[in-house]
Amino acid sequence: MSTTDTTPTATGPFAWFHTLGRNGKRAFVGAFGGYGLDAYDFQVLPLGLVAITAYFGISQGQAGLLNTVTLVVSAIGGAVAGILADRIGRVRTLMITVITYAVFTVACGFATSYEMLMVFRALQGLGFGGEWAAGAILVAEYCKPRYRGRTIAFVQSSWAVGWALSVIVYTAVFSFVPQDTAWRVLFWTGAIPAVLVFYIRRNVEDAPRADEVRATSTRKGSFREIFRAPLGRTTFFAALLATGVQGGYYTLASWVPTFLKTERGLSVVGTGGYLTLLIGGAFAGYLTGGHLTDRLGRKRTFTLFAVLSALLIVLFTQIPAGGNGILLLVTFPLGFSTSAIFSGFGSYLAELYPTDLRGTGQGFTYNFGRGMGALFPTAVGFLATTMGVGGAMVFGALGYGIAVVALFGLPETKGVELR
């Protein structure tokens, strides 16, 4: 029986939250905060990238490699965190990942060379990749099936909250601190997430069913099990889906600030204004995508927003010089579509795997996709030397085509009970 069977009934737009019960609500707060601050610590690099490039005298390709290293190592971190979530529990894993990404984000601010910054950023990726795997599963296991899509979408929406916070801090820091120091200060603010660990430790616990299964299962945390029948096919196509979506998204997240500054000629404050619109669209997209995931189904929602995201990223980057007014109009829907597609991941991947392999399956597929998707920002960095940043960013649209292809190999899971 699912753990959600014992939660209270409720009606209204926030029924999804009320039906979580007391422990489920606390888990939601912990996961929401963890993922939001995860986003904050990730985004400080793209926001400070122009200053970092100038400070260390590196090329755009080398700058793109900083993001790629973060994402590739985060794939390892996510896979390991998935195994830990199945072996030592969701909550303990969540605390470990938050502490890891906070400590190494701060360390980045002390880097004295490009190579040192790359090492610290890679280590930050271990925690960055692991947090989502632990937090999304933790909340999914408290949800009623009918609300699972929108509930996890609300957790995903915290990415926009963390992103917005990073833009606010970036605008303030770079407006008042010299550029050579400002990027360091931005990294030092990455200590904020450590405070969340105290809340998680005191208030959050795993769903009873997950504890039960972990205590009795003999196959928990096994990579071998997710690659053998009947889960092998699911693992392959889920990893391909994650690769396509994240390849497209991280192209955008990694290069938009640089694109706005270098090719559209915007100031720090001007760039912040466009990013505010992009983030506003992202927040609305997360919430809307979650509702559509529960209404239309997982696969239809992924397909809808994959097509829209591909079209909008091409439109956004190819608007002619002098067309910043049109660019402004496209910014909100671009943020909306590229974030709405993420809303279904937490619920969909949780539904594809049984409880004793859920952390391993979800952690591996999502973060394998993140690692492979990391190749996209690097490709854009090297292509930008001949095509310009805007021209190279079109490469990201290919990722959404890969996502659509992957969906042909996956089942629809709308409304299913967790196994």
Protein backbone atom coordinates (compact mmCIF):
# COMPACT_ATOMS: atom_id res chain seq x y z
CA MET A 1 0.00 0.00 0.00
CA SER A 2 1.25 3.54 -0.76
CA THR A 3 2.06 5.83 2.16
CA THR A 4 -0.23 8.43 0.64
CA ASP A 5 -3.31 6.38 1.48
CA THR A 6 -3.30 7.64 5.07
CA THR A 7 -3.05 11.36 4.28
CA PRO A 8 -6.10 13.62 4.76
CA THR A 9 -8.48 14.61 1.98
CA ALA A 10 -8.76 18.25 0.88
CA THR A 11 -10.18 20.44 -1.89
CA GLY A 12 -9.18 23.71 -3.53
CA PRO A 13 -6.11 24.94 -5.41
CA PHE A 14 -3.75 23.95 -2.57
CA ALA A 15 -5.28 20.54 -1.88
CA TRP A 16 -1.97 19.02 -3.04
CA PHE A 17 -0.24 20.64 -0.05
CA HIS A 18 -2.88 19.85 2.58
CA THR A 19 -2.96 16.16 1.65
CA LEU A 20 0.76 15.79 2.40
CA GLY A 21 0.11 15.64 6.14
CA ARG A 22 2.39 17.17 8.78
CA ASN A 23 5.52 15.19 7.95
CA GLY A 24 4.97 15.56 4.23
CA LYS A 25 4.70 19.34 4.57
CA ARG A 26 7.96 19.45 6.48
CA ALA A 27 9.60 17.31 3.81
CA PHE A 28 8.26 19.70 1.17
CA VAL A 29 9.77 22.73 2.94
CA GLY A 30 13.14 20.98 3.25
CA ALA A 31 13.21 19.90 -0.40
CA PHE A 32 11.93 23.29 -1.64
CA GLY A 33 14.63 25.14 0.29
CA GLY A 34 17.33 22.68 -0.72
CA TYR A 35 16.58 22.90 -4.42
CA GLY A 36 16.13 26.68 -4.39
CA LEU A 37 19.49 27.22 -2.73
CA ASP A 38 20.97 24.60 -5.06
CA ALA A 39 19.90 26.87 -7.92
CA TYR A 40 21.38 29.91 -6.18
CA ASP A 41 24.77 28.27 -5.80
CA PHE A 42 24.74 27.06 -9.42
CA GLN A 43 23.75 30.41 -10.94
CA VAL A 44 26.46 32.50 -9.30
CA LEU A 45 28.95 31.14 -11.85
CA PRO A 46 27.05 32.10 -15.04
CA LEU A 47 26.30 35.52 -13.51
CA GLY A 48 29.95 36.15 -12.67
CA LEU A 49 31.33 34.53 -15.82
CA VAL A 50 32.20 37.73 -17.71
CA ALA A 51 34.18 39.02 -14.70
CA ILE A 52 35.85 35.63 -14.16
CA THR A 53 36.81 35.43 -17.85
CA ALA A 54 38.46 38.84 -17.65
CA TYR A 55 40.16 38.18 -14.28
CA PHE A 56 41.85 34.95 -15.33
CA GLY A 57 42.28 35.93 -18.99
CA ILE A 58 40.54 32.81 -20.33
CA SER A 59 38.72 32.15 -23.61
CA GLN A 60 34.97 31.66 -24.01
CA GLY A 61 35.61 27.96 -24.56
CA GLN A 62 37.44 27.73 -21.24
CA ALA A 63 34.66 29.69 -19.56
CA GLY A 64 32.09 27.25 -20.91
CA LEU A 65 34.21 24.39 -19.61
CA LEU A 66 33.68 25.61 -16.03
CA ASN A 67 29.95 24.98 -16.41
CA THR A 68 30.53 21.69 -18.16
CA VAL A 69 32.81 20.37 -15.42
CA THR A 70 30.19 21.32 -12.82
CA LEU A 71 27.47 19.47 -14.68
CA VAL A 72 29.56 16.40 -15.54
CA VAL A 73 30.66 15.93 -11.93
CA SER A 74 27.11 16.63 -10.78
CA ALA A 75 26.10 13.55 -12.78
CA ILE A 76 28.43 11.50 -10.60
CA GLY A 77 27.15 13.22 -7.48
CA GLY A 78 23.55 12.59 -8.45
CA ALA A 79 24.11 8.92 -9.18
CA VAL A 80 25.94 8.41 -5.90
CA ALA A 81 23.27 10.35 -4.00
CA GLY A 82 20.61 8.12 -5.56
CA ILE A 83 22.35 5.03 -4.20
CA LEU A 84 22.76 6.67 -0.78
CA ALA A 85 19.08 7.64 -0.75
CA ASP A 86 18.16 3.96 -1.16
CA ARG A 87 20.74 2.78 1.39
CA ILE A 88 20.89 5.37 4.19
CA GLY A 89 17.65 7.27 3.57
CA ARG A 90 16.38 10.33 1.69
CA VAL A 91 16.78 12.85 4.54
CA ARG A 92 20.35 11.98 5.51
CA THR A 93 21.37 12.13 1.84
CA LEU A 94 19.66 15.50 1.45
CA MET A 95 21.69 16.98 4.32
CA ILE A 96 24.97 15.64 2.95
CA THR A 97 24.34 17.15 -0.49
CA VAL A 98 23.35 20.59 0.82
CA ILE A 99 26.47 20.84 2.99
CA THR A 100 28.66 19.75 0.06
CA TYR A 101 27.43 22.31 -2.46
CA ALA A 102 27.50 25.13 0.13
CA VAL A 103 31.09 24.47 1.26
CA PHE A 104 32.58 24.26 -2.23
CA THR A 105 30.65 27.24 -3.59
CA VAL A 106 32.29 29.34 -0.88
CA ALA A 107 35.65 27.77 -1.71
CA CYS A 108 35.30 28.97 -5.33
CA GLY A 109 35.52 32.52 -4.06
CA PHE A 110 39.04 31.83 -2.75
CA ALA A 111 40.40 30.40 -6.03
CA THR A 112 43.71 31.92 -7.10
CA SER A 113 43.86 30.32 -10.55
CA TYR A 114 41.55 29.05 -13.27
CA GLU A 115 42.58 25.47 -12.50
CA MET A 116 41.79 25.86 -8.80
CA LEU A 117 38.41 27.36 -9.59
CA MET A 118 37.66 24.41 -11.85
CA VAL A 119 38.51 21.91 -9.11
CA PHE A 120 36.34 23.67 -6.52
CA ARG A 121 33.50 24.03 -9.01
CA ALA A 122 33.72 20.33 -9.85
CA LEU A 123 33.49 19.42 -6.15
CA GLN A 124 30.51 21.76 -5.78
CA GLY A 125 28.89 19.73 -8.54
CA LEU A 126 28.87 16.63 -6.33
CA GLY A 127 26.37 18.24 -3.98
CA PHE A 128 24.55 20.13 -6.71
CA GLY A 129 23.76 16.93 -8.56
CA GLY A 130 22.74 14.97 -5.49
CA GLU A 131 20.26 17.36 -3.87
CA TRP A 132 17.50 17.02 -6.44
CA ALA A 133 17.65 13.23 -6.44
CA ALA A 134 17.13 13.05 -2.68
CA GLY A 135 14.64 15.92 -2.31
CA ALA A 136 12.30 15.04 -5.17
CA ILE A 137 12.01 11.41 -4.08
CA LEU A 138 11.45 12.41 -0.46
CA VAL A 139 8.42 14.52 -1.39
CA ALA A 140 7.08 12.14 -4.07
CA GLU A 141 6.74 9.39 -1.48
CA TYR A 142 4.38 11.54 0.60
CA CYS A 143 2.12 12.54 -2.34
CA LYS A 144 -1.25 11.28 -3.44
CA PRO A 145 -1.04 10.06 -7.07
CA ARG A 146 -3.52 12.65 -8.39
CA TYR A 147 -1.43 15.54 -7.01
CA ARG A 148 2.08 14.19 -7.47
CA GLY A 149 2.85 16.12 -10.65
CA ARG A 150 1.93 19.54 -9.32
CA THR A 151 3.47 18.91 -5.88
CA ILE A 152 6.88 18.05 -7.30
CA ALA A 153 6.47 20.93 -9.75
CA PHE A 154 6.23 23.28 -6.78
CA VAL A 155 9.51 21.83 -5.50
CA GLN A 156 10.99 22.41 -8.98
CA SER A 157 9.68 26.00 -8.94
CA SER A 158 12.11 26.76 -6.12
CA TRP A 159 14.82 26.73 -8.81
CA ALA A 160 13.33 30.00 -10.11
CA VAL A 161 13.24 31.40 -6.57
CA GLY A 162 16.92 30.59 -6.02
CA TRP A 163 17.79 31.93 -9.46
CA ALA A 164 15.94 35.19 -8.73
CA LEU A 165 17.75 35.56 -5.42
CA SER A 166 21.10 35.09 -7.16
CA VAL A 167 20.24 37.81 -9.72
CA ILE A 168 19.25 40.24 -6.95
CA VAL A 169 22.48 39.59 -5.07
CA TYR A 170 24.50 39.75 -8.31
CA THR A 171 22.99 43.13 -9.24
CA ALA A 172 23.72 44.55 -5.79
CA VAL A 173 27.25 43.15 -5.50
CA PHE A 174 28.38 44.11 -9.02
CA SER A 175 26.87 47.59 -8.64
CA PHE A 176 28.88 48.42 -5.51
CA VAL A 177 31.96 46.16 -5.53
CA PRO A 178 34.78 46.32 -8.12
CA GLN A 179 34.43 43.56 -10.74
CA ASP A 180 37.72 41.88 -9.79
CA THR A 181 36.39 41.29 -6.27
CA ALA A 182 32.64 41.12 -6.92
CA TRP A 183 32.70 37.61 -8.40
CA ARG A 184 34.44 36.35 -5.26
CA VAL A 185 31.84 37.98 -2.99
CA LEU A 186 29.12 36.37 -5.06
CA PHE A 187 30.59 32.91 -4.43
CA TRP A 188 31.01 33.63 -0.70
CA THR A 189 27.28 34.24 -0.37
CA GLY A 190 26.91 30.55 -1.27
CA ALA A 191 27.28 29.80 2.45
CA ILE A 192 23.57 30.60 2.95
CA PRO A 193 22.31 27.02 2.29
CA ALA A 194 24.19 25.65 5.30
CA VAL A 195 21.49 27.19 7.54
CA LEU A 196 18.87 24.93 5.93
CA VAL A 197 20.60 21.80 7.24
CA PHE A 198 19.58 22.68 10.81
CA TYR A 199 15.91 22.75 9.78
CA ILE A 200 16.13 19.46 7.90
CA ARG A 201 17.89 17.69 10.75
CA ARG A 202 15.30 18.80 13.35
CA ASN A 203 12.07 18.52 11.36
CA VAL A 204 12.23 16.21 8.32
CA GLU A 205 11.98 12.42 8.15
CA ASP A 206 11.58 9.78 5.45
CA ALA A 207 8.14 8.45 4.50
CA PRO A 208 7.31 5.33 6.56
CA ARG A 209 6.96 3.10 3.49
CA ALA A 210 10.46 4.06 2.29
CA ASP A 211 11.93 3.22 5.71
CA GLU A 212 10.08 -0.10 5.68
CA VAL A 213 11.35 -1.12 2.24
CA ARG A 214 14.91 0.00 2.98
CA ALA A 215 14.97 -2.21 6.05
CA THR A 216 13.84 -5.36 4.19
CA SER A 217 15.00 -5.05 0.56
CA THR A 218 18.06 -6.98 -0.62
CA ARG A 219 18.52 -5.07 -3.89
CA LYS A 220 18.46 -1.41 -2.68
CA GLY A 221 20.95 0.92 -4.31
CA SER A 222 21.89 -1.46 -7.12
CA PHE A 223 22.98 -0.14 -10.53
CA ARG A 224 22.83 -3.67 -11.85
CA GLU A 225 19.09 -3.90 -11.13
CA ILE A 226 18.16 -0.73 -13.04
CA PHE A 227 20.02 -1.96 -16.15
CA ARG A 228 18.54 -5.44 -16.28
CA ALA A 229 15.05 -6.46 -17.42
CA PRO A 230 12.42 -5.21 -16.94
CA LEU A 231 13.95 -1.80 -16.02
CA GLY A 232 16.82 -1.63 -18.53
CA ARG A 233 14.74 -0.16 -21.38
CA THR A 234 13.18 2.38 -19.03
CA THR A 235 16.60 3.45 -17.75
CA PHE A 236 17.95 3.96 -21.27
CA PHE A 237 15.09 6.12 -22.54
CA ALA A 238 14.67 8.07 -19.29
CA ALA A 239 18.37 8.97 -19.40
CA LEU A 240 17.98 10.05 -23.05
CA LEU A 241 14.97 12.21 -22.14
CA ALA A 242 16.94 13.87 -19.35
CA THR A 243 19.90 14.44 -21.68
CA GLY A 244 17.82 16.27 -24.27
CA VAL A 245 15.92 18.49 -21.86
CA GLN A 246 18.96 19.44 -19.81
CA GLY A 247 21.18 19.96 -22.84
CA GLY A 248 18.73 22.57 -24.09
CA TYR A 249 18.20 24.15 -20.70
CA TYR A 250 21.83 24.45 -19.62
CA THR A 251 22.72 26.03 -22.95
CA LEU A 252 20.28 28.77 -22.02
CA ALA A 253 21.19 29.03 -18.31
CA SER A 254 24.93 29.08 -18.97
CA TRP A 255 25.06 31.57 -21.82
CA VAL A 256 22.14 34.01 -21.58
CA PRO A 257 23.94 36.47 -19.24
CA THR A 258 26.97 36.55 -21.56
CA PHE A 259 24.72 36.82 -24.65
CA LEU A 260 22.85 39.80 -23.18
CA LYS A 261 26.03 41.63 -22.21
CA THR A 262 28.28 40.95 -25.19
CA GLU A 263 25.88 40.71 -28.15
CA ARG A 264 22.94 42.84 -26.99
CA GLY A 265 25.11 45.46 -25.25
CA LEU A 266 23.20 45.49 -21.97
CA SER A 267 24.55 46.85 -18.69
CA VAL A 268 24.59 44.95 -15.39
CA VAL A 269 21.22 46.47 -14.44
CA GLY A 270 19.83 45.91 -17.96
CA THR A 271 20.90 42.28 -17.92
CA GLY A 272 19.27 41.90 -14.50
CA GLY A 273 16.00 43.24 -15.93
CA TYR A 274 15.90 40.69 -18.75
CA LEU A 275 16.86 37.90 -16.36
CA THR A 276 14.03 38.96 -14.05
CA LEU A 277 11.56 38.43 -16.90
CA LEU A 278 13.16 35.10 -17.79
CA ILE A 279 12.95 33.96 -14.18
CA GLY A 280 9.36 35.17 -13.82
CA GLY A 281 8.47 33.08 -16.84
CA ALA A 282 10.35 30.14 -15.34
CA PHE A 283 8.42 30.30 -12.07
CA ALA A 284 5.07 30.47 -13.88
CA GLY A 285 6.21 27.64 -16.15
CA TYR A 286 7.08 25.33 -13.28
CA LEU A 287 3.67 25.75 -11.69
CA THR A 288 1.68 25.55 -14.93
CA GLY A 289 3.67 22.57 -16.16
CA GLY A 290 2.90 20.72 -12.93
CA HIS A 291 -0.85 21.12 -13.38
CA LEU A 292 -0.65 20.07 -17.02
CA THR A 293 1.40 17.03 -16.06
CA ASP A 294 -1.48 15.88 -13.84
CA ARG A 295 -4.18 16.78 -16.38
CA LEU A 296 -2.70 15.94 -19.80
CA GLY A 297 -0.32 13.23 -18.65
CA ARG A 298 3.46 13.12 -18.39
CA LYS A 299 4.34 12.39 -22.01
CA ARG A 300 2.03 14.91 -23.67
CA THR A 301 3.31 17.68 -21.40
CA PHE A 302 6.95 16.85 -22.15
CA THR A 303 6.24 16.86 -25.89
CA LEU A 304 4.33 20.15 -25.83
CA PHE A 305 7.04 22.08 -24.04
CA ALA A 306 9.93 20.44 -25.90
CA VAL A 307 8.54 21.77 -29.19
CA LEU A 308 7.82 25.23 -27.76
CA SER A 309 11.26 25.47 -26.11
CA ALA A 310 13.10 24.59 -29.32
CA LEU A 311 11.20 27.22 -31.31
CA LEU A 312 11.62 29.94 -28.69
CA ILE A 313 15.35 29.45 -28.12
CA VAL A 314 15.92 29.86 -31.89
CA LEU A 315 13.72 32.97 -31.99
CA PHE A 316 15.36 34.51 -28.92
CA THR A 317 18.92 34.19 -30.22
CA GLN A 318 18.24 35.20 -33.83
CA ILE A 319 16.44 38.51 -33.31
CA PRO A 320 18.42 41.12 -35.33
CA ALA A 321 20.52 43.83 -33.69
CA GLY A 322 18.38 46.75 -32.61
CA GLY A 323 15.44 44.48 -31.83
CA ASN A 324 15.82 44.46 -28.06
CA GLY A 325 12.15 45.39 -27.67
CA ILE A 326 11.15 42.15 -29.44
CA LEU A 327 13.76 40.29 -27.42
CA LEU A 328 12.08 41.54 -24.27
CA LEU A 329 8.71 40.17 -25.44
CA VAL A 330 10.18 36.71 -26.12
CA THR A 331 12.02 36.48 -22.79
CA PHE A 332 9.06 35.59 -20.55
CA PRO A 333 7.65 32.79 -22.78
CA LEU A 334 11.17 31.40 -23.23
CA GLY A 335 11.61 31.11 -19.46
CA PHE A 336 8.10 29.67 -19.18
CA SER A 337 8.56 26.85 -21.70
CA THR A 338 12.09 25.80 -20.82
CA SER A 339 11.11 25.47 -17.15
CA ALA A 340 7.61 24.01 -17.58
CA ILE A 341 9.15 20.95 -19.23
CA PHE A 342 11.04 20.19 -15.99
CA SER A 343 7.86 20.05 -13.92
CA GLY A 344 7.15 16.44 -14.81
CA PHE A 345 10.58 15.00 -14.06
CA GLY A 346 10.25 14.48 -10.32
CA SER A 347 6.93 12.66 -10.50
CA TYR A 348 7.64 10.80 -13.76
CA LEU A 349 10.99 9.31 -12.75
CA ALA A 350 9.65 8.38 -9.31
CA GLU A 351 6.77 6.51 -10.96
CA LEU A 352 9.06 4.59 -13.30
CA TYR A 353 10.94 2.81 -10.48
CA PRO A 354 9.97 0.70 -7.42
CA THR A 355 10.66 2.06 -3.92
CA ASP A 356 13.86 0.09 -3.25
CA LEU A 357 15.42 1.27 -6.55
CA ARG A 358 13.78 4.69 -6.83
CA GLY A 359 16.75 6.69 -5.61
CA THR A 360 19.18 4.76 -7.80
CA GLY A 361 16.98 4.93 -10.91
CA GLN A 362 15.99 8.56 -10.53
CA GLY A 363 19.45 9.66 -9.43
CA PHE A 364 21.17 7.93 -12.33
CA THR A 365 18.83 8.84 -15.20
CA TYR A 366 18.36 12.50 -14.32
CA ASN A 367 22.02 13.08 -13.58
CA PHE A 368 23.32 11.06 -16.52
CA GLY A 369 21.23 13.47 -18.57
CA ARG A 370 22.76 16.38 -16.73
CA GLY A 371 26.28 15.10 -17.42
CA MET A 372 25.64 14.51 -21.11
CA GLY A 373 23.67 17.74 -21.37
CA ALA A 374 26.74 19.50 -20.00
CA LEU A 375 28.44 18.98 -23.34
CA PHE A 376 26.03 21.48 -24.88
CA PRO A 377 27.33 24.62 -23.05
CA THR A 378 30.92 23.67 -23.89
CA ALA A 379 30.02 23.15 -27.54
CA VAL A 380 28.37 26.57 -27.55
CA GLY A 381 31.50 28.13 -26.02
CA PHE A 382 33.75 26.77 -28.76
CA LEU A 383 31.27 27.42 -31.58
CA ALA A 384 30.84 31.00 -30.36
CA THR A 385 34.35 31.88 -31.54
CA THR A 386 33.17 31.60 -35.15
CA MET A 387 29.37 31.89 -34.94
CA GLY A 388 28.95 34.34 -32.07
CA VAL A 389 27.23 33.42 -28.80
CA GLY A 390 23.71 33.87 -30.21
CA GLY A 391 24.38 31.77 -33.29
CA ALA A 392 25.99 29.00 -31.26
CA MET A 393 23.13 28.87 -28.75
CA VAL A 394 20.82 27.52 -31.45
CA PHE A 395 22.66 24.24 -30.85
CA GLY A 396 20.65 23.94 -27.64
CA ALA A 397 17.42 23.48 -29.60
CA LEU A 398 18.66 20.07 -30.76
CA GLY A 399 18.36 18.80 -27.22
CA TYR A 400 14.60 19.19 -27.25
CA GLY A 401 14.40 17.07 -30.40
CA ILE A 402 16.29 14.31 -28.58
CA ALA A 403 13.76 14.53 -25.73
CA VAL A 404 10.81 13.99 -28.06
CA VAL A 405 12.46 10.92 -29.59
CA ALA A 406 13.11 9.45 -26.12
CA LEU A 407 9.42 9.66 -25.18
CA PHE A 408 8.55 7.00 -27.78
CA GLY A 409 10.35 4.43 -25.62
CA LEU A 410 8.66 5.32 -22.30
CA PRO A 411 5.22 4.50 -20.80
CA GLU A 412 2.62 6.95 -19.52
CA THR A 413 2.41 6.89 -15.69
CA LYS A 414 -0.25 9.46 -14.88
CA GLY A 415 -2.19 8.51 -11.73
CA VAL A 416 -0.23 5.37 -10.80
CA GLU A 417 0.47 4.34 -7.20
CA LEU A 418 4.13 4.17 -6.27
CA ARG A 419 5.36 0.58 -6.12
